[in-house]
Amino acid sequence: MLSVRPKVAELAFHVFSRSLHPELYTIHKSRRVERDNYSAQIEITNCGHVVTWNAGGLTLCEVATSAHQPLPRRRLLLSKPLKGSRTERADCRQGIDYRTHFQLEPVDPDMFWMVQQQLGSGPTEGLLHNFDASGRMALGALSYVSVEMRRHSMLVQAIHTFPDDFAIVKVESLFSIDAGNKSV
């Protein structure tokens, strides 16, 4: 199966208050994590990543994907083109809080290859996927997703490289539960 990236200009960032059907995207790597107060499914997909977080009967689903990816509109909390640098927040019911910062960073070729080499070499505690080369570049893109779990929060850091565009997408998201909320 060919697993190359879309063009960086075609990227979008979405957050839903529901899970998405896995057949909407191609999953390359996946990991399930659980704590007493929450659980999450983290997936590297053909276009970026999907994080589905569940706590106290509430689901949040973060999706970094192609803008052309057909996704539902129902229970969509946030939909932005993945361009420049943005900080977003969603206050949810039951003391659940979601914050994210994402940026698309064009870099010079030397810096790009240095980051690409650092991400792709050595063991990692997160999820890492090497994509096939597009044909224009000798090396394919990389996706790396790291998860840091605490009792009442989960921090997700994702880095996606786009060799054809010498661009790097960085996403940092915090899913948290108000520690004083007894319903979660």
C-alpha atoms as a PDB file:
ATOM      1  CA  MET A   1       0.000   0.000   0.000  1.00  0.00           C
ATOM      2  CA  LEU A   2       1.424   3.370  -0.998  1.00  0.00           C
ATOM      3  CA  SER A   3       1.515   5.750   1.950  1.00  0.00           C
ATOM      4  CA  VAL A   4       2.587   9.196   0.801  1.00  0.00           C
ATOM      5  CA  ARG A   5       1.452  12.516   2.231  1.00  0.00           C
ATOM      6  CA  PRO A   6      -0.955  15.054   0.758  1.00  0.00           C
ATOM      7  CA  LYS A   7       0.419  18.478  -0.127  1.00  0.00           C
ATOM      8  CA  VAL A   8       0.958  20.675   2.914  1.00  0.00           C
ATOM      9  CA  ALA A   9      -1.394  23.331   1.481  1.00  0.00           C
ATOM     10  CA  GLU A  10      -4.244  20.779   1.704  1.00  0.00           C
ATOM     11  CA  LEU A  11      -4.137  20.232   5.477  1.00  0.00           C
ATOM     12  CA  ALA A  12      -6.900  20.901   7.990  1.00  0.00           C
ATOM     13  CA  PHE A  13      -7.383  20.530  11.747  1.00  0.00           C
ATOM     14  CA  HIS A  14     -10.688  19.399  13.272  1.00  0.00           C
ATOM     15  CA  VAL A  15     -12.045  18.631  16.740  1.00  0.00           C
ATOM     16  CA  PHE A  16     -15.269  16.697  17.248  1.00  0.00           C
ATOM     17  CA  SER A  17     -17.306  15.903  20.343  1.00  0.00           C
ATOM     18  CA  ARG A  18     -17.685  12.334  19.070  1.00  0.00           C
ATOM     19  CA  SER A  19     -15.528   9.543  17.741  1.00  0.00           C
ATOM     20  CA  LEU A  20     -15.050   8.994  14.008  1.00  0.00           C
ATOM     21  CA  HIS A  21     -15.379   5.736  12.140  1.00  0.00           C
ATOM     22  CA  PRO A  22     -11.901   4.316  11.442  1.00  0.00           C
ATOM     23  CA  GLU A  23     -12.817   3.560   7.826  1.00  0.00           C
ATOM     24  CA  LEU A  24     -12.692   7.328   7.141  1.00  0.00           C
ATOM     25  CA  TYR A  25      -8.886   7.236   7.151  1.00  0.00           C
ATOM     26  CA  THR A  26      -5.981   4.817   6.724  1.00  0.00           C
ATOM     27  CA  ILE A  27      -4.301   3.905  10.018  1.00  0.00           C
ATOM     28  CA  HIS A  28      -0.546   3.205   9.936  1.00  0.00           C
ATOM     29  CA  LYS A  29       0.228   3.040  13.674  1.00  0.00           C
ATOM     30  CA  SER A  30      -2.081   2.878  16.665  1.00  0.00           C
ATOM     31  CA  ARG A  31      -1.877   2.804  20.451  1.00  0.00           C
ATOM     32  CA  ARG A  32      -4.496   2.690  23.187  1.00  0.00           C
ATOM     33  CA  VAL A  33      -3.732   4.290  26.564  1.00  0.00           C
ATOM     34  CA  GLU A  34      -5.743   4.248  29.778  1.00  0.00           C
ATOM     35  CA  ARG A  35      -5.729   5.940  33.173  1.00  0.00           C
ATOM     36  CA  ASP A  36      -8.259   5.787  36.011  1.00  0.00           C
ATOM     37  CA  ASN A  37     -10.152   8.878  34.738  1.00  0.00           C
ATOM     38  CA  TYR A  38      -9.767   8.632  30.955  1.00  0.00           C
ATOM     39  CA  SER A  39      -8.724   6.533  27.974  1.00  0.00           C
ATOM     40  CA  ALA A  40      -7.480   7.439  24.514  1.00  0.00           C
ATOM     41  CA  GLN A  41      -6.812   5.942  21.102  1.00  0.00           C
ATOM     42  CA  ILE A  42      -3.867   7.568  19.275  1.00  0.00           C
ATOM     43  CA  GLU A  43      -3.426   6.866  15.562  1.00  0.00           C
ATOM     44  CA  ILE A  44      -1.002   7.956  12.882  1.00  0.00           C
ATOM     45  CA  THR A  45      -2.965   8.150   9.641  1.00  0.00           C
ATOM     46  CA  ASN A  46      -2.195   8.635   5.965  1.00  0.00           C
ATOM     47  CA  CYS A  47      -2.585  12.434   6.331  1.00  0.00           C
ATOM     48  CA  GLY A  48      -1.612  13.131   9.953  1.00  0.00           C
ATOM     49  CA  HIS A  49      -3.149  11.815  13.153  1.00  0.00           C
ATOM     50  CA  VAL A  50      -6.357  11.087  15.051  1.00  0.00           C
ATOM     51  CA  VAL A  51      -6.627  11.232  18.847  1.00  0.00           C
ATOM     52  CA  THR A  52      -9.885   9.996  20.376  1.00  0.00           C
ATOM     53  CA  TRP A  53     -10.079  10.830  24.097  1.00  0.00           C
ATOM     54  CA  ASN A  54     -12.840   9.592  26.428  1.00  0.00           C
ATOM     55  CA  ALA A  55     -13.546  10.793  29.981  1.00  0.00           C
ATOM     56  CA  GLY A  56     -16.709  10.767  32.072  1.00  0.00           C
ATOM     57  CA  GLY A  57     -18.984   9.892  29.157  1.00  0.00           C
ATOM     58  CA  LEU A  58     -17.538  12.667  26.942  1.00  0.00           C
ATOM     59  CA  THR A  59     -15.550  12.009  23.772  1.00  0.00           C
ATOM     60  CA  LEU A  60     -13.208  14.466  22.048  1.00  0.00           C
ATOM     61  CA  CYS A  61     -11.667  13.566  18.705  1.00  0.00           C
ATOM     62  CA  GLU A  62      -8.771  15.598  17.265  1.00  0.00           C
ATOM     63  CA  VAL A  63      -8.017  15.073  13.578  1.00  0.00           C
ATOM     64  CA  ALA A  64      -5.116  16.458  11.540  1.00  0.00           C
ATOM     65  CA  THR A  65      -5.880  15.476   7.957  1.00  0.00           C
ATOM     66  CA  SER A  66      -6.327  16.586   4.371  1.00  0.00           C
ATOM     67  CA  ALA A  67      -8.916  19.313   3.805  1.00  0.00           C
ATOM     68  CA  HIS A  68     -10.317  17.031   1.082  1.00  0.00           C
ATOM     69  CA  GLN A  69     -10.936  14.177   3.531  1.00  0.00           C
ATOM     70  CA  PRO A  70     -14.695  13.619   3.774  1.00  0.00           C
ATOM     71  CA  LEU A  71     -15.577  14.001   7.459  1.00  0.00           C
ATOM     72  CA  PRO A  72     -18.929  14.381   9.188  1.00  0.00           C
ATOM     73  CA  ARG A  73     -20.189  17.816  10.216  1.00  0.00           C
ATOM     74  CA  ARG A  74     -22.226  16.590  13.172  1.00  0.00           C
ATOM     75  CA  ARG A  75     -20.769  17.611  16.553  1.00  0.00           C
ATOM     76  CA  LEU A  76     -17.850  19.466  14.954  1.00  0.00           C
ATOM     77  CA  LEU A  77     -16.348  21.812  17.572  1.00  0.00           C
ATOM     78  CA  LEU A  78     -13.430  23.208  15.588  1.00  0.00           C
ATOM     79  CA  SER A  79     -12.421  23.248  11.935  1.00  0.00           C
ATOM     80  CA  LYS A  80      -9.443  25.295  10.755  1.00  0.00           C
ATOM     81  CA  PRO A  81      -7.015  25.154   7.868  1.00  0.00           C
ATOM     82  CA  LEU A  82      -3.654  23.974   9.147  1.00  0.00           C
ATOM     83  CA  LYS A  83      -1.711  27.081   8.203  1.00  0.00           C
ATOM     84  CA  GLY A  84       0.484  29.449  10.157  1.00  0.00           C
ATOM     85  CA  SER A  85       0.314  29.217  13.930  1.00  0.00           C
ATOM     86  CA  ARG A  86      -2.898  28.999  16.000  1.00  0.00           C
ATOM     87  CA  THR A  87      -3.950  28.426  19.569  1.00  0.00           C
ATOM     88  CA  GLU A  88      -7.471  27.140  20.144  1.00  0.00           C
ATOM     89  CA  ARG A  89      -9.528  26.076  23.146  1.00  0.00           C
ATOM     90  CA  ALA A  90     -12.808  24.263  23.734  1.00  0.00           C
ATOM     91  CA  ASP A  91     -14.612  24.288  27.078  1.00  0.00           C
ATOM     92  CA  CYS A  92     -16.654  21.157  27.342  1.00  0.00           C
ATOM     93  CA  ARG A  93     -19.267  19.978  29.783  1.00  0.00           C
ATOM     94  CA  GLN A  94     -18.443  18.118  32.986  1.00  0.00           C
ATOM     95  CA  GLY A  95     -15.233  20.015  33.721  1.00  0.00           C
ATOM     96  CA  ILE A  96     -13.437  18.774  30.604  1.00  0.00           C
ATOM     97  CA  ASP A  97     -11.033  21.239  28.960  1.00  0.00           C
ATOM     98  CA  TYR A  98      -9.284  20.997  25.595  1.00  0.00           C
ATOM     99  CA  ARG A  99      -6.470  23.259  24.405  1.00  0.00           C
ATOM    100  CA  THR A 100      -4.291  23.008  21.343  1.00  0.00           C
ATOM    101  CA  HIS A 101      -1.567  24.874  19.554  1.00  0.00           C
ATOM    102  CA  PHE A 102      -0.688  23.907  16.003  1.00  0.00           C
ATOM    103  CA  GLN A 103       1.631  25.388  13.441  1.00  0.00           C
ATOM    104  CA  LEU A 104       2.831  24.806   9.938  1.00  0.00           C
ATOM    105  CA  GLU A 105       6.469  25.778   9.697  1.00  0.00           C
ATOM    106  CA  PRO A 106       8.245  26.032   6.351  1.00  0.00           C
ATOM    107  CA  VAL A 107      11.979  25.499   6.935  1.00  0.00           C
ATOM    108  CA  ASP A 108      15.102  25.651   4.825  1.00  0.00           C
ATOM    109  CA  PRO A 109      16.203  22.287   3.358  1.00  0.00           C
ATOM    110  CA  ASP A 110      19.192  21.842   5.709  1.00  0.00           C
ATOM    111  CA  MET A 111      17.043  22.344   8.810  1.00  0.00           C
ATOM    112  CA  PHE A 112      14.351  20.077   7.381  1.00  0.00           C
ATOM    113  CA  TRP A 113      16.760  17.186   6.783  1.00  0.00           C
ATOM    114  CA  MET A 114      18.282  17.624  10.247  1.00  0.00           C
ATOM    115  CA  VAL A 115      14.826  17.365  11.882  1.00  0.00           C
ATOM    116  CA  GLN A 116      13.867  14.465   9.607  1.00  0.00           C
ATOM    117  CA  GLN A 117      17.058  12.580  10.548  1.00  0.00           C
ATOM    118  CA  GLN A 118      16.634  13.225  14.288  1.00  0.00           C
ATOM    119  CA  LEU A 119      13.025  12.023  14.249  1.00  0.00           C
ATOM    120  CA  GLY A 120      13.763   8.938  12.194  1.00  0.00           C
ATOM    121  CA  SER A 121      16.827   7.680  14.043  1.00  0.00           C
ATOM    122  CA  GLY A 122      16.923   5.686  17.210  1.00  0.00           C
ATOM    123  CA  PRO A 123      14.330   4.187  19.519  1.00  0.00           C
ATOM    124  CA  THR A 124      11.322   6.210  20.540  1.00  0.00           C
ATOM    125  CA  GLU A 125       8.670   5.947  23.217  1.00  0.00           C
ATOM    126  CA  GLY A 126       5.963   7.424  21.004  1.00  0.00           C
ATOM    127  CA  LEU A 127       4.433   6.292  17.744  1.00  0.00           C
ATOM    128  CA  LEU A 128       6.618   6.732  14.667  1.00  0.00           C
ATOM    129  CA  HIS A 129       5.762   6.003  11.032  1.00  0.00           C
ATOM    130  CA  ASN A 130       7.990   6.389   7.954  1.00  0.00           C
ATOM    131  CA  PHE A 131       5.995   7.089   4.812  1.00  0.00           C
ATOM    132  CA  ASP A 132       7.014   6.075   1.295  1.00  0.00           C
ATOM    133  CA  ALA A 133       8.913   8.597  -0.798  1.00  0.00           C
ATOM    134  CA  SER A 134       6.738  10.590  -3.173  1.00  0.00           C
ATOM    135  CA  GLY A 135       9.112  10.121  -6.085  1.00  0.00           C
ATOM    136  CA  ARG A 136      10.331  13.712  -6.042  1.00  0.00           C
ATOM    137  CA  MET A 137      12.359  13.244  -2.852  1.00  0.00           C
ATOM    138  CA  ALA A 138      14.504  10.252  -1.942  1.00  0.00           C
ATOM    139  CA  LEU A 139      13.117  10.053   1.592  1.00  0.00           C
ATOM    140  CA  GLY A 140       9.519   9.840   2.658  1.00  0.00           C
ATOM    141  CA  ALA A 141       7.705  11.845   5.288  1.00  0.00           C
ATOM    142  CA  LEU A 142       7.683  10.988   8.987  1.00  0.00           C
ATOM    143  CA  SER A 143       5.005  11.222  11.636  1.00  0.00           C
ATOM    144  CA  TYR A 144       5.798  11.090  15.335  1.00  0.00           C
ATOM    145  CA  VAL A 145       3.214  11.261  18.127  1.00  0.00           C
ATOM    146  CA  SER A 146       4.201  11.361  21.789  1.00  0.00           C
ATOM    147  CA  VAL A 147       1.749  11.034  24.696  1.00  0.00           C
ATOM    148  CA  GLU A 148       2.410  12.208  28.232  1.00  0.00           C
ATOM    149  CA  MET A 149      -0.177  11.043  30.730  1.00  0.00           C
ATOM    150  CA  ARG A 150      -1.001  12.476  34.143  1.00  0.00           C
ATOM    151  CA  ARG A 151      -3.813  11.605  36.529  1.00  0.00           C
ATOM    152  CA  HIS A 152      -6.167  14.331  35.237  1.00  0.00           C
ATOM    153  CA  SER A 153      -4.611  15.236  31.887  1.00  0.00           C
ATOM    154  CA  MET A 154      -3.015  13.965  28.727  1.00  0.00           C
ATOM    155  CA  LEU A 155      -0.551  15.942  26.603  1.00  0.00           C
ATOM    156  CA  VAL A 156      -0.176  14.929  22.962  1.00  0.00           C
ATOM    157  CA  GLN A 157       2.708  16.223  20.863  1.00  0.00           C
ATOM    158  CA  ALA A 158       2.720  15.394  17.165  1.00  0.00           C
ATOM    159  CA  ILE A 159       5.238  16.222  14.453  1.00  0.00           C
ATOM    160  CA  HIS A 160       4.545  15.528  10.786  1.00  0.00           C
ATOM    161  CA  THR A 161       7.124  16.211   8.068  1.00  0.00           C
ATOM    162  CA  PHE A 162       6.397  17.082   4.442  1.00  0.00           C
ATOM    163  CA  PRO A 163       9.570  16.607   2.351  1.00  0.00           C
ATOM    164  CA  ASP A 164       8.088  17.852  -0.940  1.00  0.00           C
ATOM    165  CA  ASP A 165       7.325  21.211   0.700  1.00  0.00           C
ATOM    166  CA  PHE A 166      10.194  21.359   3.244  1.00  0.00           C
ATOM    167  CA  ALA A 167       7.569  21.894   5.927  1.00  0.00           C
ATOM    168  CA  ILE A 168       6.939  20.615   9.429  1.00  0.00           C
ATOM    169  CA  VAL A 169       3.572  20.492  11.189  1.00  0.00           C
ATOM    170  CA  LYS A 170       3.696  20.607  14.986  1.00  0.00           C
ATOM    171  CA  VAL A 171       0.651  20.003  17.172  1.00  0.00           C
ATOM    172  CA  GLU A 172       0.521  20.169  20.951  1.00  0.00           C
ATOM    173  CA  SER A 173      -2.811  19.376  22.601  1.00  0.00           C
ATOM    174  CA  LEU A 174      -3.858  19.125  26.235  1.00  0.00           C
ATOM    175  CA  PHE A 175      -6.938  17.129  27.221  1.00  0.00           C
ATOM    176  CA  SER A 176      -7.747  17.710  30.903  1.00  0.00           C
ATOM    177  CA  ILE A 177     -10.274  17.046  33.623  1.00  0.00           C
ATOM    178  CA  ASP A 178     -10.993  19.523  36.410  1.00  0.00           C
ATOM    179  CA  ALA A 179      -9.461  17.726  39.431  1.00  0.00           C
ATOM    180  CA  GLY A 180     -12.346  18.931  41.630  1.00  0.00           C
ATOM    181  CA  ASN A 181     -14.997  17.397  39.355  1.00  0.00           C
ATOM    182  CA  LYS A 182     -16.350  14.312  41.118  1.00  0.00           C
ATOM    183  CA  SER A 183     -18.483  13.127  38.150  1.00  0.00           C
ATOM    184  CA  VAL A 184     -15.423  12.079  36.145  1.00  0.00           C
END
